[in-house]
Protein backbone atom coordinates (compact mmCIF):
# COMPACT_ATOMS: atom_id res chain seq x y z
CA MET A 1 1.09 -12.24 20.86
CA ASN A 2 3.21 -10.11 21.82
CA THR A 3 1.61 -6.74 21.06
CA GLN A 4 3.87 -3.64 22.31
CA ALA A 5 6.35 -5.25 20.23
CA LEU A 6 3.29 -5.03 17.10
CA ALA A 7 3.04 -1.47 17.94
CA GLU A 8 6.36 -0.70 18.02
CA ILE A 9 7.23 -1.99 14.54
CA ALA A 10 3.91 -0.20 13.32
CA ARG A 11 4.88 3.19 15.28
CA ALA A 12 8.44 2.48 12.93
CA MET A 13 6.16 1.95 9.79
CA VAL A 14 4.35 4.98 9.89
CA ALA A 15 7.62 7.17 11.07
CA PRO A 16 8.40 11.13 10.04
CA LYS A 17 8.64 11.61 6.74
CA LYS A 18 8.70 8.60 5.94
CA GLY A 19 6.47 5.51 3.74
CA ILE A 20 6.47 2.49 2.52
CA LEU A 21 6.96 1.15 -0.94
CA ALA A 22 4.82 -1.55 -2.27
CA ALA A 23 7.30 -3.46 -4.68
CA ASP A 24 4.91 -6.77 -4.08
CA GLU A 25 3.75 -6.98 -7.67
CA SER A 26 2.76 -10.75 -8.59
CA SER A 27 5.44 -12.12 -11.45
CA GLY A 28 2.53 -11.79 -13.76
CA THR A 29 2.14 -7.64 -12.82
CA ALA A 30 6.00 -7.25 -12.79
CA ASN A 31 6.02 -9.00 -16.45
CA LYS A 32 3.59 -6.50 -18.01
CA ARG A 33 5.87 -3.73 -15.86
CA LEU A 34 8.42 -4.73 -18.12
CA ALA A 35 6.66 -5.72 -21.56
CA SER A 36 5.55 -1.78 -20.97
CA ILE A 37 8.65 -0.68 -21.37
CA GLY A 38 9.87 -2.97 -24.05
CA VAL A 39 11.86 -5.60 -22.08
CA GLU A 40 11.92 -9.48 -22.33
CA GLN A 41 10.09 -10.87 -19.03
CA THR A 42 12.36 -12.94 -17.78
CA ASP A 43 13.29 -13.75 -13.69
CA GLU A 44 16.52 -12.15 -13.99
CA ASN A 45 14.94 -9.10 -15.88
CA ARG A 46 12.66 -9.22 -12.60
CA ARG A 47 15.58 -9.65 -10.68
CA LEU A 48 17.02 -6.47 -11.85
CA TYR A 49 13.77 -4.62 -11.72
CA ARG A 50 13.86 -4.99 -7.88
CA GLU A 51 17.14 -3.89 -7.74
CA LEU A 52 16.45 -0.62 -9.26
CA PHE A 53 14.54 0.66 -6.54
CA LEU A 54 15.71 -1.68 -3.22
CA SER A 55 19.52 -0.79 -4.26
CA ALA A 56 19.32 2.13 -4.54
CA ASP A 57 21.33 4.56 -2.34
CA GLY A 58 18.77 6.55 -0.03
CA MET A 59 15.87 5.36 -0.82
CA GLU A 60 16.01 4.28 3.35
CA GLU A 61 15.64 8.30 4.00
CA SER A 62 12.44 8.38 2.63
CA LEU A 63 11.40 4.77 3.40
CA SER A 64 10.63 2.68 6.53
CA GLY A 65 9.64 -0.59 4.64
CA VAL A 66 9.03 -2.07 1.53
CA ILE A 67 6.31 -5.04 0.54
CA LEU A 68 7.95 -7.78 -1.23
CA TYR A 69 6.48 -10.55 -2.97
CA ASP A 70 7.35 -13.84 -1.95
CA GLU A 71 9.92 -14.61 -5.53
CA THR A 72 11.73 -11.50 -3.98
CA VAL A 73 12.16 -12.87 -1.02
CA HIS A 74 14.47 -15.30 -2.18
CA GLN A 75 16.36 -13.35 -4.31
CA ASN A 76 19.49 -11.72 -3.96
CA ALA A 77 20.96 -8.40 -5.12
CA ASN A 78 24.31 -7.88 -7.56
CA SER A 79 26.26 -8.01 -4.35
CA GLY A 80 25.31 -10.83 -3.19
CA THR A 81 23.26 -9.77 -0.26
CA SER A 82 19.83 -11.13 -0.62
CA PHE A 83 17.08 -8.22 -0.66
CA VAL A 84 15.84 -8.94 2.72
CA GLU A 85 18.98 -8.38 4.34
CA LEU A 86 20.10 -5.31 1.94
CA LEU A 87 16.60 -3.84 3.57
CA LYS A 88 17.40 -4.38 6.60
CA GLN A 89 20.97 -3.10 6.60
CA LYS A 90 19.48 0.15 5.31
CA GLY A 91 17.16 0.15 8.60
CA VAL A 92 14.10 -0.67 6.32
CA LEU A 93 11.62 -2.77 7.51
CA PRO A 94 10.85 -6.11 4.88
CA GLY A 95 7.51 -7.00 4.65
CA ILE A 96 5.64 -9.55 2.37
CA LYS A 97 2.17 -9.93 0.28
CA VAL A 98 0.92 -12.98 1.40
CA ASP A 99 -2.85 -13.28 0.10
CA ALA A 100 -3.16 -14.86 -3.51
CA GLY A 101 -5.69 -12.42 -5.58
CA ALA A 102 -8.54 -11.52 -6.12
CA GLN A 103 -10.82 -13.85 -7.63
CA ASP A 104 -14.29 -13.87 -9.72
CA MET A 105 -17.12 -14.03 -6.15
CA ALA A 106 -18.83 -16.72 -6.68
CA GLY A 107 -22.77 -15.84 -7.81
CA PHE A 108 -21.95 -11.87 -7.28
CA PRO A 109 -21.08 -11.23 -11.16
CA GLY A 110 -18.52 -8.32 -11.28
CA GLU A 111 -17.33 -8.46 -7.37
CA LYS A 112 -13.79 -10.28 -6.13
CA ILE A 113 -13.47 -12.18 -3.30
CA THR A 114 -9.58 -12.79 -2.21
CA GLU A 115 -8.06 -16.31 -1.88
CA GLY A 116 -5.17 -17.30 0.50
CA LEU A 117 -6.69 -18.59 3.86
CA ASP A 118 -5.63 -22.35 3.18
CA GLY A 119 -2.06 -22.56 4.64
CA LEU A 120 -1.68 -18.89 5.73
CA ARG A 121 -0.84 -19.59 9.52
CA GLU A 122 2.57 -21.82 8.06
CA ARG A 123 3.44 -19.52 5.61
CA LEU A 124 3.90 -16.27 8.27
CA THR A 125 6.31 -19.05 10.20
CA ASN A 126 8.02 -19.31 7.76
CA TYR A 127 8.05 -15.80 6.69
CA TYR A 128 8.77 -14.33 10.28
CA ARG A 129 12.21 -16.88 9.93
CA LEU A 130 13.27 -15.28 6.62
CA GLY A 131 13.01 -11.29 8.16
CA CYS A 132 9.65 -10.01 7.59
CA ARG A 133 8.28 -8.00 9.88
CA PHE A 134 4.56 -6.89 8.45
CA ALA A 135 2.74 -8.26 5.66
CA LYS A 136 0.06 -7.28 3.38
CA TRP A 137 -3.76 -8.85 2.28
CA ARG A 138 -5.58 -6.54 -0.29
CA ALA A 139 -9.39 -7.15 -0.71
CA VAL A 140 -10.78 -5.44 -4.51
CA ILE A 141 -14.05 -3.10 -3.48
CA THR A 142 -15.65 -2.60 -7.08
CA ILE A 143 -17.84 0.61 -7.52
CA GLY A 144 -21.15 -0.04 -10.29
CA ASP A 145 -24.32 0.10 -11.13
CA ASN A 146 -25.58 -1.89 -7.40
CA LEU A 147 -22.24 -2.59 -6.99
CA PRO A 148 -20.32 -3.07 -4.51
CA THR A 149 -22.70 -5.33 -2.38
CA GLU A 150 -22.83 -6.15 1.84
CA THR A 151 -22.14 -9.67 0.53
CA CYS A 152 -18.82 -8.71 -1.29
CA ILE A 153 -18.19 -5.86 1.26
CA HIS A 154 -18.70 -8.40 4.55
CA SER A 155 -16.93 -11.32 3.26
CA ASN A 156 -13.82 -9.48 2.30
CA ALA A 157 -13.63 -8.04 6.07
CA HIS A 158 -14.05 -11.68 7.32
CA ALA A 159 -10.82 -13.07 5.91
CA LEU A 160 -8.95 -9.32 6.13
CA ALA A 161 -9.64 -9.81 9.88
CA ARG A 162 -9.01 -13.62 10.24
CA TYR A 163 -5.73 -13.14 7.87
CA ALA A 164 -4.37 -10.15 10.16
CA ALA A 165 -5.50 -12.20 13.68
CA LEU A 166 -3.04 -14.91 12.39
CA CYS A 167 -0.17 -12.54 11.25
CA GLN A 168 -0.74 -11.35 15.31
CA GLU A 169 -0.07 -14.63 16.47
CA ALA A 170 2.80 -15.05 14.17
CA GLY A 171 4.39 -11.40 14.99
CA ILE A 172 3.74 -10.14 12.17
CA VAL A 173 2.24 -6.00 11.62
CA PRO A 174 -1.00 -6.77 9.47
CA MET A 175 -1.53 -4.31 7.15
CA VAL A 176 -5.00 -3.87 5.56
CA GLU A 177 -6.20 -3.13 2.38
CA PRO A 178 -9.67 -2.84 1.67
CA GLU A 179 -8.79 -1.49 -1.79
CA VAL A 180 -12.03 0.88 -3.04
CA MET A 181 -11.65 0.58 -6.84
CA ILE A 182 -10.99 3.91 -8.33
CA ASP A 183 -12.11 2.94 -12.29
CA GLY A 184 -15.82 4.09 -13.25
CA PRO A 185 -17.98 7.09 -13.13
CA HIS A 186 -18.81 7.19 -9.99
CA THR A 187 -18.41 10.36 -7.78
CA LEU A 188 -16.58 11.52 -5.17
CA GLU A 189 -19.36 11.02 -2.89
CA LYS A 190 -19.85 7.81 -3.77
CA SER A 191 -16.58 7.19 -3.39
CA GLU A 192 -16.87 8.12 0.18
CA GLU A 193 -20.02 6.18 0.71
CA VAL A 194 -18.89 2.98 -0.02
CA THR A 195 -15.48 3.75 1.51
CA THR A 196 -16.92 4.06 4.94
CA ALA A 197 -19.36 1.32 4.44
CA THR A 198 -16.82 -0.92 3.64
CA LEU A 199 -13.88 0.16 6.23
CA LYS A 200 -17.34 0.51 9.27
CA ALA A 201 -17.33 -3.37 8.39
CA LEU A 202 -14.02 -4.13 8.27
CA PHE A 203 -13.21 -2.32 11.81
CA ALA A 204 -16.31 -4.77 13.43
CA GLU A 205 -14.78 -7.94 11.85
CA LEU A 206 -11.60 -7.14 13.65
CA ALA A 207 -12.50 -6.24 16.77
CA ALA A 208 -14.53 -9.59 16.73
CA GLN A 209 -11.49 -11.28 16.00
CA ARG A 210 -9.49 -9.91 18.84
CA VAL A 211 -7.26 -7.92 16.57
CA SER A 212 -4.75 -4.88 18.32
CA MET A 213 -5.44 -2.03 16.63
CA GLN A 214 -2.27 -0.74 18.21
CA GLY A 215 -0.50 -3.63 15.89
CA LEU A 216 -1.96 -2.99 12.67
CA ILE A 217 -1.77 -0.90 9.63
CA LEU A 218 -4.46 0.45 7.45
CA LYS A 219 -3.77 0.51 3.66
CA SER A 220 -6.48 2.34 1.94
CA SER A 221 -7.66 4.29 -0.94
CA MET A 222 -8.08 8.12 -0.81
CA VAL A 223 -11.92 9.09 -0.95
CA ILE A 224 -11.74 10.14 -4.59
CA SER A 225 -13.95 10.77 -7.97
CA GLY A 226 -13.83 8.27 -10.15
CA LYS A 227 -11.54 8.39 -13.14
CA GLU A 228 -14.35 8.52 -15.81
CA CYS A 229 -16.60 11.43 -13.20
CA PRO A 230 -17.02 14.31 -15.44
CA THR A 231 -16.77 16.19 -12.27
CA GLN A 232 -12.73 15.58 -10.94
CA ALA A 233 -12.71 16.70 -7.02
CA SER A 234 -9.87 18.89 -6.18
CA PRO A 235 -7.12 18.10 -3.53
CA GLU A 236 -8.72 19.73 -0.80
CA GLN A 237 -11.91 18.11 -1.44
CA VAL A 238 -10.36 14.19 -1.62
CA ALA A 239 -8.79 15.96 1.95
CA GLU A 240 -12.06 16.70 3.40
CA ALA A 241 -13.77 13.75 2.23
CA THR A 242 -10.88 11.16 3.37
CA LEU A 243 -10.55 12.67 6.69
CA ARG A 244 -14.13 12.94 7.21
CA CYS A 245 -14.82 9.01 6.19
CA PHE A 246 -12.15 8.23 8.50
CA LYS A 247 -13.02 10.34 11.53
CA ASN A 248 -16.81 8.37 10.89
CA SER A 249 -15.22 4.88 10.25
CA LEU A 250 -12.13 4.11 12.41
CA PRO A 251 -10.94 3.71 15.86
CA ALA A 252 -8.65 6.56 17.23
CA GLU A 253 -5.75 3.43 19.07
CA LEU A 254 -5.14 2.73 15.01
CA GLY A 255 -1.64 2.27 14.53
CA GLY A 256 -0.90 4.15 11.66
CA ILE A 257 -2.73 5.19 7.83
CA VAL A 258 -0.84 5.03 4.67
CA PHE A 259 -2.48 5.51 1.27
CA LEU A 260 -2.88 3.33 -2.13
CA SER A 261 -2.07 5.41 -5.40
CA GLY A 262 -4.72 3.44 -6.36
CA GLY A 263 -4.31 4.58 -10.88
CA GLN A 264 -3.56 8.22 -9.95
CA GLU A 265 -1.10 9.37 -11.13
CA ALA A 266 2.40 10.04 -9.77
CA VAL A 267 2.06 13.93 -9.14
CA GLN A 268 -2.10 13.77 -8.33
CA ALA A 269 -1.40 11.32 -5.43
CA THR A 270 1.68 13.42 -3.85
CA ARG A 271 -0.37 16.33 -4.11
CA ASN A 272 -3.56 14.51 -2.25
CA LEU A 273 -1.37 13.14 -0.32
CA ASP A 274 -0.56 16.74 0.75
CA ALA A 275 -3.76 17.66 1.03
CA ILE A 276 -4.33 15.20 3.26
CA ASN A 277 -2.02 15.83 5.73
CA LYS A 278 -2.00 19.60 5.39
CA LEU A 279 -5.52 19.74 6.55
CA ALA A 280 -4.90 17.01 9.08
CA GLN A 281 -2.42 19.15 11.06
CA SER A 282 -4.94 22.54 10.41
CA ARG A 283 -7.40 20.25 12.31
CA GLY A 284 -5.51 19.19 14.80
CA ASP A 285 -8.19 16.61 15.81
CA ILE A 286 -6.66 13.58 13.21
CA PRO A 287 -5.14 10.86 15.72
CA TRP A 288 -3.44 8.54 13.32
CA GLN A 289 0.16 9.07 11.19
CA LEU A 290 -1.18 9.57 7.21
CA THR A 291 1.60 8.30 4.79
CA PHE A 292 2.11 6.58 1.79
CA SER A 293 2.30 3.66 0.48
CA TYR A 294 2.87 3.62 -3.42
CA ALA A 295 3.30 1.24 -5.83
CA ARG A 296 3.29 2.21 -9.93
CA ALA A 297 3.22 6.07 -8.23
CA LEU A 298 6.87 6.09 -7.19
CA GLN A 299 8.09 3.23 -9.58
CA GLY A 300 6.22 3.90 -12.77
CA PRO A 301 8.75 7.08 -13.82
CA ALA A 302 11.73 5.27 -13.14
CA LEU A 303 10.63 2.75 -15.16
CA ASP A 304 9.96 5.28 -18.53
CA VAL A 305 13.56 5.93 -17.74
CA TRP A 306 15.43 2.54 -17.06
CA LYS A 307 14.22 0.41 -20.19
CA GLY A 308 16.01 -2.37 -18.97
CA ASP A 309 19.34 -0.80 -20.10
CA GLU A 310 21.73 -0.94 -17.19
CA ALA A 311 23.52 2.61 -18.33
CA ASN A 312 20.05 4.46 -17.79
CA MET A 313 19.76 2.14 -13.56
CA PRO A 314 21.59 6.09 -12.75
CA ALA A 315 19.59 8.07 -14.24
CA ALA A 316 16.06 5.47 -13.47
CA ARG A 317 17.10 5.91 -9.35
CA GLU A 318 16.97 9.62 -9.36
CA VAL A 319 14.12 9.99 -10.45
CA PHE A 320 12.91 7.06 -8.27
CA LEU A 321 14.74 8.83 -5.37
CA LYS A 322 12.58 12.50 -6.60
CA ARG A 323 9.50 11.40 -6.36
CA LEU A 324 10.33 9.65 -2.89
CA LYS A 325 11.27 13.36 -1.92
CA CYS A 326 7.99 14.83 -2.92
CA ASN A 327 6.34 12.14 -1.44
CA SER A 328 8.18 12.65 2.20
CA ALA A 329 7.70 16.45 2.29
CA ALA A 330 3.72 15.55 1.39
CA ARG A 331 3.49 13.27 3.84
CA GLU A 332 4.57 16.02 6.59
CA GLY A 333 2.09 18.40 4.46
CA GLN A 334 5.54 20.20 3.19
CA TYR A 335 5.02 19.20 -0.53
CA GLY A 336 5.05 22.46 -3.51
CA PRO A 337 5.53 22.24 -6.81
CA GLU A 338 8.88 23.20 -6.49
CA LEU A 339 10.15 19.60 -5.57
CA GLU A 340 9.29 18.63 -9.06
CA ALA A 341 11.65 21.06 -10.65
């Protein structure tokens, strides 16, 4: 394991003014996205869905990396160039989702455990050969009545740590994603409590598995009110709670932090990212780079314009690039409503 090389990749992933596009939806999830805009769910239409974003001129100005799905790694752009090679030509790091999805956790109703460790060492070796330089593994933590359980948190933390160790062995930077779900009526305070407990458990397991912190990226939920909570936290409250949680949970040497949008509306995710970075800059004691790794919050508005029609591709890409520009500004704490005009 070359820890210096891993640290250099991690730093590049959280470069100034840049974030990471999460384009790693499974074929089933991609089909749902296509169905939502009235497009037939075929291999070719999924490829065109990726083409919309990955071949957009100028996307590299705001993106340091893109997380891909296995199907996309093996597909080509309209130009005939593989999507992996296309990203490399743009100076964008190709990444890969390697987990096998969250499944029902036996004996723990309402909770999930992520699978995919079997055969992972060999798969990582192959993805490295194909050009991927970082990977992602997502765990699901649900807030509810008597949830999450300590067993669920620790089981997922252990799996994330084992995955991360295997990634670094293969020369791939692991992105660990313990997503605390936004669904439910829970308060901001409950979100902070659960997110703090989850991150503490995760980083204890990562240390136990001898994972290099400098060559590691955390993909984190923001500390935010549940969608059905009658009192919704302001961006400033989200920023305060999120940074307090991080200061109480994370090692200073961590390679960087990227946020998932986690079901937030596109503009909401941008405003919250901006508030977090504004507060981090004003405090001066936050040691990590804080940027975005959004999926729907970047892609959703463009898909609504595209609707599977090639004639709509230029307009859809304009919408995509606008969302990138807004989030690039928010990553620097320089977002304002004028950017939405």
